[in-house]
Amino acid sequence: MNMKHLGLPLVALTFLVLAGCSTPTVVTLQNGTQYLTKDTPNAKTPDGFYEFTDIAGKRVRVKAADVATVIKEK
């Protein structure tokens, strides 16, 4: 086989493996607001906040007392 023919499948496989590493999570607040995150949020920080990046790429900080549930997407 020619190396040119192996390049594209190898790149595609790499992207698939990396995509499988993230764990989308739904963070629900006490007021009903839901955030879909790219990955599991950081547990409570020492100052009492959850920190995560939503699927739009926006960095979000929420008071731990305002969080109702953190559930991994299936």
PDB file of N, CA and C in Angstrom:
ATOM      1  N   MET A   1       0.831  -1.195   0.000  1.00  0.00           N
ATOM      2  CA  MET A   1       0.000   0.000   0.000  1.00  0.00           C
ATOM      3  C   MET A   1       0.871   1.252   0.000  1.00  0.00           C
ATOM      4  N   ASN A   2       0.348   2.227  -0.600  1.00  0.00           N
ATOM      5  CA  ASN A   2       1.033   3.509  -0.679  1.00  0.00           C
ATOM      6  C   ASN A   2       0.768   4.315   0.593  1.00  0.00           C
ATOM      7  N   MET A   3       1.732   5.070   1.088  1.00  0.00           N
ATOM      8  CA  MET A   3       1.588   5.881   2.305  1.00  0.00           C
ATOM      9  C   MET A   3       0.486   6.932   2.150  1.00  0.00           C
ATOM     10  N   LYS A   4       0.251   7.420   0.942  1.00  0.00           N
ATOM     11  CA  LYS A   4      -0.805   8.410   0.728  1.00  0.00           C
ATOM     12  C   LYS A   4      -2.170   7.821   1.051  1.00  0.00           C
ATOM     13  N   HIS A   5      -2.351   6.543   0.772  1.00  0.00           N
ATOM     14  CA  HIS A   5      -3.633   5.897   1.031  1.00  0.00           C
ATOM     15  C   HIS A   5      -3.858   5.621   2.513  1.00  0.00           C
ATOM     16  N   LEU A   6      -2.810   5.546   3.289  1.00  0.00           N
ATOM     17  CA  LEU A   6      -2.925   5.288   4.721  1.00  0.00           C
ATOM     18  C   LEU A   6      -3.129   6.573   5.529  1.00  0.00           C
ATOM     19  N   GLY A   7      -2.737   7.708   4.987  1.00  0.00           N
ATOM     20  CA  GLY A   7      -2.795   8.977   5.719  1.00  0.00           C
ATOM     21  C   GLY A   7      -4.182   9.397   6.145  1.00  0.00           C
ATOM     22  N   LEU A   8      -5.136   9.416   5.240  1.00  0.00           N
ATOM     23  CA  LEU A   8      -6.491   9.874   5.551  1.00  0.00           C
ATOM     24  C   LEU A   8      -7.185   8.970   6.578  1.00  0.00           C
ATOM     25  N   PRO A   9      -7.161   7.652   6.421  1.00  0.00           N
ATOM     26  CA  PRO A   9      -7.789   6.814   7.449  1.00  0.00           C
ATOM     27  C   PRO A   9      -7.119   6.956   8.818  1.00  0.00           C
ATOM     28  N   LEU A  10      -5.814   7.171   8.833  1.00  0.00           N
ATOM     29  CA  LEU A  10      -5.102   7.353  10.091  1.00  0.00           C
ATOM     30  C   LEU A  10      -5.529   8.638  10.788  1.00  0.00           C
ATOM     31  N   VAL A  11      -5.683   9.704  10.028  1.00  0.00           N
ATOM     32  CA  VAL A  11      -6.141  10.976  10.583  1.00  0.00           C
ATOM     33  C   VAL A  11      -7.577  10.840  11.090  1.00  0.00           C
ATOM     34  N   ALA A  12      -8.437  10.193  10.342  1.00  0.00           N
ATOM     35  CA  ALA A  12      -9.829  10.004  10.753  1.00  0.00           C
ATOM     36  C   ALA A  12      -9.905   9.185  12.044  1.00  0.00           C
ATOM     37  N   LEU A  13      -9.113   8.155  12.143  1.00  0.00           N
ATOM     38  CA  LEU A  13      -9.083   7.332  13.349  1.00  0.00           C
ATOM     39  C   LEU A  13      -8.615   8.138  14.559  1.00  0.00           C
ATOM     40  N   THR A  14      -7.640   8.993  14.367  1.00  0.00           N
ATOM     41  CA  THR A  14      -7.146   9.839  15.451  1.00  0.00           C
ATOM     42  C   THR A  14      -8.245  10.753  15.967  1.00  0.00           C
ATOM     43  N   PHE A  15      -8.984  11.386  15.078  1.00  0.00           N
ATOM     44  CA  PHE A  15     -10.078  12.265  15.495  1.00  0.00           C
ATOM     45  C   PHE A  15     -11.178  11.494  16.223  1.00  0.00           C
ATOM     46  N   LEU A  16     -11.489  10.297  15.769  1.00  0.00           N
ATOM     47  CA  LEU A  16     -12.506   9.493  16.433  1.00  0.00           C
ATOM     48  C   LEU A  16     -12.082   9.105  17.845  1.00  0.00           C
ATOM     49  N   VAL A  17     -10.829   8.763  18.010  1.00  0.00           N
ATOM     50  CA  VAL A  17     -10.325   8.393  19.335  1.00  0.00           C
ATOM     51  C   VAL A  17     -10.375   9.594  20.272  1.00  0.00           C
ATOM     52  N   LEU A  18      -9.954  10.757  19.800  1.00  0.00           N
ATOM     53  CA  LEU A  18      -9.975  11.961  20.628  1.00  0.00           C
ATOM     54  C   LEU A  18     -11.396  12.394  20.961  1.00  0.00           C
ATOM     55  N   ALA A  19     -12.318  12.230  20.042  1.00  0.00           N
ATOM     56  CA  ALA A  19     -13.710  12.607  20.290  1.00  0.00           C
ATOM     57  C   ALA A  19     -14.332  11.709  21.352  1.00  0.00           C
ATOM     58  N   GLY A  20     -13.887  10.489  21.449  1.00  0.00           N
ATOM     59  CA  GLY A  20     -14.414   9.570  22.438  1.00  0.00           C
ATOM     60  C   GLY A  20     -13.949   9.864  23.853  1.00  0.00           C
ATOM     61  N   CYS A  21     -12.983  10.745  24.029  1.00  0.00           N
ATOM     62  CA  CYS A  21     -12.441  11.041  25.352  1.00  0.00           C
ATOM     63  C   CYS A  21     -13.316  12.019  26.141  1.00  0.00           C
ATOM     64  N   SER A  22     -14.112  12.817  25.479  1.00  0.00           N
ATOM     65  CA  SER A  22     -14.922  13.792  26.201  1.00  0.00           C
ATOM     66  C   SER A  22     -16.186  13.135  26.748  1.00  0.00           C
ATOM     67  N   THR A  23     -16.723  13.735  27.820  1.00  0.00           N
ATOM     68  CA  THR A  23     -17.929  13.219  28.453  1.00  0.00           C
ATOM     69  C   THR A  23     -18.936  14.351  28.559  1.00  0.00           C
ATOM     70  N   PRO A  24     -19.806  14.517  27.562  1.00  0.00           N
ATOM     71  CA  PRO A  24     -20.810  15.580  27.650  1.00  0.00           C
ATOM     72  C   PRO A  24     -21.661  15.417  28.905  1.00  0.00           C
ATOM     73  N   THR A  25     -21.945  16.525  29.564  1.00  0.00           N
ATOM     74  CA  THR A  25     -22.663  16.515  30.832  1.00  0.00           C
ATOM     75  C   THR A  25     -23.729  17.595  30.820  1.00  0.00           C
ATOM     76  N   VAL A  26     -24.858  17.333  31.486  1.00  0.00           N
ATOM     77  CA  VAL A  26     -25.913  18.333  31.636  1.00  0.00           C
ATOM     78  C   VAL A  26     -25.872  18.847  33.074  1.00  0.00           C
ATOM     79  N   VAL A  27     -25.667  20.154  33.212  1.00  0.00           N
ATOM     80  CA  VAL A  27     -25.674  20.803  34.523  1.00  0.00           C
ATOM     81  C   VAL A  27     -27.002  21.541  34.644  1.00  0.00           C
ATOM     82  N   THR A  28     -27.807  21.173  35.633  1.00  0.00           N
ATOM     83  CA  THR A  28     -29.110  21.800  35.843  1.00  0.00           C
ATOM     84  C   THR A  28     -29.045  22.656  37.100  1.00  0.00           C
ATOM     85  N   LEU A  29     -29.490  23.908  36.974  1.00  0.00           N
ATOM     86  CA  LEU A  29     -29.490  24.820  38.119  1.00  0.00           C
ATOM     87  C   LEU A  29     -30.820  24.737  38.858  1.00  0.00           C
ATOM     88  N   GLN A  30     -30.862  25.292  40.035  1.00  0.00           N
ATOM     89  CA  GLN A  30     -32.074  25.290  40.863  1.00  0.00           C
ATOM     90  C   GLN A  30     -33.243  25.978  40.156  1.00  0.00           C
ATOM     91  N   ASN A  31     -32.954  26.981  39.306  1.00  0.00           N
ATOM     92  CA  ASN A  31     -34.021  27.709  38.625  1.00  0.00           C
ATOM     93  C   ASN A  31     -34.470  27.033  37.322  1.00  0.00           C
ATOM     94  N   GLY A  32     -33.910  25.847  37.020  1.00  0.00           N
ATOM     95  CA  GLY A  32     -34.315  25.112  35.829  1.00  0.00           C
ATOM     96  C   GLY A  32     -33.424  25.318  34.619  1.00  0.00           C
ATOM     97  N   THR A  33     -32.524  26.274  34.664  1.00  0.00           N
ATOM     98  CA  THR A  33     -31.597  26.507  33.564  1.00  0.00           C
ATOM     99  C   THR A  33     -30.690  25.298  33.397  1.00  0.00           C
ATOM    100  N   GLN A  34     -30.492  24.874  32.142  1.00  0.00           N
ATOM    101  CA  GLN A  34     -29.620  23.734  31.880  1.00  0.00           C
ATOM    102  C   GLN A  34     -28.478  24.156  30.968  1.00  0.00           C
ATOM    103  N   TYR A  35     -27.305  23.634  31.262  1.00  0.00           N
ATOM    104  CA  TYR A  35     -26.120  23.839  30.436  1.00  0.00           C
ATOM    105  C   TYR A  35     -25.651  22.483  29.957  1.00  0.00           C
ATOM    106  N   LEU A  36     -25.385  22.367  28.652  1.00  0.00           N
ATOM    107  CA  LEU A  36     -24.774  21.168  28.103  1.00  0.00           C
ATOM    108  C   LEU A  36     -23.292  21.474  27.974  1.00  0.00           C
ATOM    109  N   THR A  37     -22.467  20.677  28.656  1.00  0.00           N
ATOM    110  CA  THR A  37     -21.034  20.945  28.667  1.00  0.00           C
ATOM    111  C   THR A  37     -20.300  19.989  27.746  1.00  0.00           C
ATOM    112  N   LYS A  38     -19.109  20.387  27.339  1.00  0.00           N
ATOM    113  CA  LYS A  38     -18.279  19.536  26.500  1.00  0.00           C
ATOM    114  C   LYS A  38     -17.673  18.393  27.300  1.00  0.00           C
ATOM    115  N   ASP A  39     -17.404  18.646  28.568  1.00  0.00           N
ATOM    116  CA  ASP A  39     -16.763  17.660  29.408  1.00  0.00           C
ATOM    117  C   ASP A  39     -17.283  17.797  30.827  1.00  0.00           C
ATOM    118  N   THR A  40     -16.977  16.851  31.680  1.00  0.00           N
ATOM    119  CA  THR A  40     -17.434  16.891  33.062  1.00  0.00           C
ATOM    120  C   THR A  40     -16.906  18.159  33.740  1.00  0.00           C
ATOM    121  N   PRO A  41     -17.780  18.909  34.426  1.00  0.00           N
ATOM    122  CA  PRO A  41     -17.335  20.142  35.071  1.00  0.00           C
ATOM    123  C   PRO A  41     -16.350  19.866  36.201  1.00  0.00           C
ATOM    124  N   ASN A  42     -15.506  20.874  36.468  1.00  0.00           N
ATOM    125  CA  ASN A  42     -14.628  20.776  37.623  1.00  0.00           C
ATOM    126  C   ASN A  42     -15.498  20.733  38.870  1.00  0.00           C
ATOM    127  N   ALA A  43     -15.124  19.886  39.795  1.00  0.00           N
ATOM    128  CA  ALA A  43     -15.858  19.833  41.056  1.00  0.00           C
ATOM    129  C   ALA A  43     -15.761  21.200  41.722  1.00  0.00           C
ATOM    130  N   LYS A  44     -16.500  21.356  42.783  1.00  0.00           N
ATOM    131  CA  LYS A  44     -16.514  22.647  43.452  1.00  0.00           C
ATOM    132  C   LYS A  44     -15.095  23.157  43.688  1.00  0.00           C
ATOM    133  N   THR A  45     -14.866  24.400  43.349  1.00  0.00           N
ATOM    134  CA  THR A  45     -13.590  25.034  43.611  1.00  0.00           C
ATOM    135  C   THR A  45     -13.554  25.459  45.077  1.00  0.00           C
ATOM    136  N   PRO A  46     -12.381  25.791  45.596  1.00  0.00           N
ATOM    137  CA  PRO A  46     -12.298  26.212  47.001  1.00  0.00           C
ATOM    138  C   PRO A  46     -13.192  27.413  47.339  1.00  0.00           C
ATOM    139  N   ASP A  47     -13.475  28.242  46.348  1.00  0.00           N
ATOM    140  CA  ASP A  47     -14.329  29.404  46.610  1.00  0.00           C
ATOM    141  C   ASP A  47     -15.819  29.097  46.407  1.00  0.00           C
ATOM    142  N   GLY A  48     -16.190  27.813  46.186  1.00  0.00           N
ATOM    143  CA  GLY A  48     -17.589  27.408  46.150  1.00  0.00           C
ATOM    144  C   GLY A  48     -18.285  27.540  44.817  1.00  0.00           C
ATOM    145  N   PHE A  49     -17.567  27.388  43.707  1.00  0.00           N
ATOM    146  CA  PHE A  49     -18.147  27.490  42.372  1.00  0.00           C
ATOM    147  C   PHE A  49     -17.882  26.224  41.565  1.00  0.00           C
ATOM    148  N   TYR A  50     -18.774  25.932  40.623  1.00  0.00           N
ATOM    149  CA  TYR A  50     -18.514  24.944  39.587  1.00  0.00           C
ATOM    150  C   TYR A  50     -18.023  25.718  38.376  1.00  0.00           C
ATOM    151  N   GLU A  51     -17.028  25.172  37.675  1.00  0.00           N
ATOM    152  CA  GLU A  51     -16.503  25.806  36.464  1.00  0.00           C
ATOM    153  C   GLU A  51     -16.563  24.807  35.324  1.00  0.00           C
ATOM    154  N   PHE A  52     -17.061  25.275  34.152  1.00  0.00           N
ATOM    155  CA  PHE A  52     -17.129  24.406  32.987  1.00  0.00           C
ATOM    156  C   PHE A  52     -17.230  25.243  31.726  1.00  0.00           C
ATOM    157  N   THR A  53     -17.042  24.576  30.594  1.00  0.00           N
ATOM    158  CA  THR A  53     -17.188  25.205  29.283  1.00  0.00           C
ATOM    159  C   THR A  53     -18.414  24.601  28.623  1.00  0.00           C
ATOM    160  N   ASP A  54     -19.358  25.457  28.192  1.00  0.00           N
ATOM    161  CA  ASP A  54     -20.558  24.920  27.536  1.00  0.00           C
ATOM    162  C   ASP A  54     -20.240  24.551  26.095  1.00  0.00           C
ATOM    163  N   ILE A  55     -21.214  23.993  25.391  1.00  0.00           N
ATOM    164  CA  ILE A  55     -20.947  23.501  24.034  1.00  0.00           C
ATOM    165  C   ILE A  55     -20.668  24.618  23.038  1.00  0.00           C
ATOM    166  N   ALA A  56     -21.010  25.848  23.400  1.00  0.00           N
ATOM    167  CA  ALA A  56     -20.706  26.987  22.530  1.00  0.00           C
ATOM    168  C   ALA A  56     -19.296  27.516  22.767  1.00  0.00           C
ATOM    169  N   GLY A  57     -18.600  26.940  23.773  1.00  0.00           N
ATOM    170  CA  GLY A  57     -17.237  27.369  24.059  1.00  0.00           C
ATOM    171  C   GLY A  57     -17.148  28.465  25.109  1.00  0.00           C
ATOM    172  N   LYS A  58     -18.275  28.828  25.710  1.00  0.00           N
ATOM    173  CA  LYS A  58     -18.310  29.889  26.712  1.00  0.00           C
ATOM    174  C   LYS A  58     -17.920  29.323  28.075  1.00  0.00           C
ATOM    175  N   ARG A  59     -17.011  29.993  28.767  1.00  0.00           N
ATOM    176  CA  ARG A  59     -16.581  29.582  30.111  1.00  0.00           C
ATOM    177  C   ARG A  59     -17.637  30.026  31.115  1.00  0.00           C
ATOM    178  N   VAL A  60     -18.128  29.107  31.959  1.00  0.00           N
ATOM    179  CA  VAL A  60     -19.222  29.396  32.896  1.00  0.00           C
ATOM    180  C   VAL A  60     -18.761  29.072  34.319  1.00  0.00           C
ATOM    181  N   ARG A  61     -19.082  29.977  35.253  1.00  0.00           N
ATOM    182  CA  ARG A  61     -18.857  29.757  36.691  1.00  0.00           C
ATOM    183  C   ARG A  61     -20.202  29.915  37.384  1.00  0.00           C
ATOM    184  N   VAL A  62     -20.588  28.913  38.177  1.00  0.00           N
ATOM    185  CA  VAL A  62     -21.877  28.921  38.846  1.00  0.00           C
ATOM    186  C   VAL A  62     -21.658  28.589  40.320  1.00  0.00           C
ATOM    187  N   LYS A  63     -22.370  29.302  41.197  1.00  0.00           N
ATOM    188  CA  LYS A  63     -22.286  28.987  42.620  1.00  0.00           C
ATOM    189  C   LYS A  63     -22.738  27.550  42.844  1.00  0.00           C
ATOM    190  N   ALA A  64     -22.018  26.831  43.684  1.00  0.00           N
ATOM    191  CA  ALA A  64     -22.360  25.428  43.955  1.00  0.00           C
ATOM    192  C   ALA A  64     -23.761  25.313  44.545  1.00  0.00           C
ATOM    193  N   ALA A  65     -24.184  26.285  45.320  1.00  0.00           N
ATOM    194  CA  ALA A  65     -25.521  26.244  45.925  1.00  0.00           C
ATOM    195  C   ALA A  65     -26.620  26.362  44.867  1.00  0.00           C
ATOM    196  N   ASP A  66     -26.311  26.923  43.701  1.00  0.00           N
ATOM    197  CA  ASP A  66     -27.294  27.085  42.634  1.00  0.00           C
ATOM    198  C   ASP A  66     -27.428  25.847  41.745  1.00  0.00           C
ATOM    199  N   VAL A  67     -26.517  24.871  41.895  1.00  0.00           N
ATOM    200  CA  VAL A  67     -26.525  23.672  41.051  1.00  0.00           C
ATOM    201  C   VAL A  67     -27.433  22.616  41.674  1.00  0.00           C
ATOM    202  N   ALA A  68     -28.409  22.147  40.882  1.00  0.00           N
ATOM    203  CA  ALA A  68     -29.320  21.100  41.361  1.00  0.00           C
ATOM    204  C   ALA A  68     -28.751  19.717  41.040  1.00  0.00           C
ATOM    205  N   THR A  69     -28.360  19.478  39.760  1.00  0.00           N
ATOM    206  CA  THR A  69     -27.837  18.187  39.350  1.00  0.00           C
ATOM    207  C   THR A  69     -26.722  18.343  38.329  1.00  0.00           C
ATOM    208  N   VAL A  70     -25.846  17.341  38.291  1.00  0.00           N
ATOM    209  CA  VAL A  70     -24.799  17.222  37.271  1.00  0.00           C
ATOM    210  C   VAL A  70     -24.881  15.784  36.778  1.00  0.00           C
ATOM    211  N   ILE A  71     -25.389  15.603  35.545  1.00  0.00           N
ATOM    212  CA  ILE A  71     -25.646  14.266  35.021  1.00  0.00           C
ATOM    213  C   ILE A  71     -24.901  14.076  33.699  1.00  0.00           C
ATOM    214  N   LYS A  72     -24.178  12.949  33.583  1.00  0.00           N
ATOM    215  CA  LYS A  72     -23.480  12.645  32.331  1.00  0.00           C
ATOM    216  C   LYS A  72     -24.494  12.305  31.257  1.00  0.00           C
ATOM    217  N   GLU A  73     -24.307  12.882  30.068  1.00  0.00           N
ATOM    218  CA  GLU A  73     -25.162  12.622  28.908  1.00  0.00           C
ATOM    219  C   GLU A  73     -24.920  11.198  28.423  1.00  0.00           C
ATOM    220  N   LYS A  74     -25.968  10.509  28.008  1.00  0.00           N
ATOM    221  CA  LYS A  74     -25.840   9.128  27.550  1.00  0.00           C
ATOM    222  C   LYS A  74     -25.599   9.037  26.082  1.00  0.00           C
TER     223      LYS A  74
END
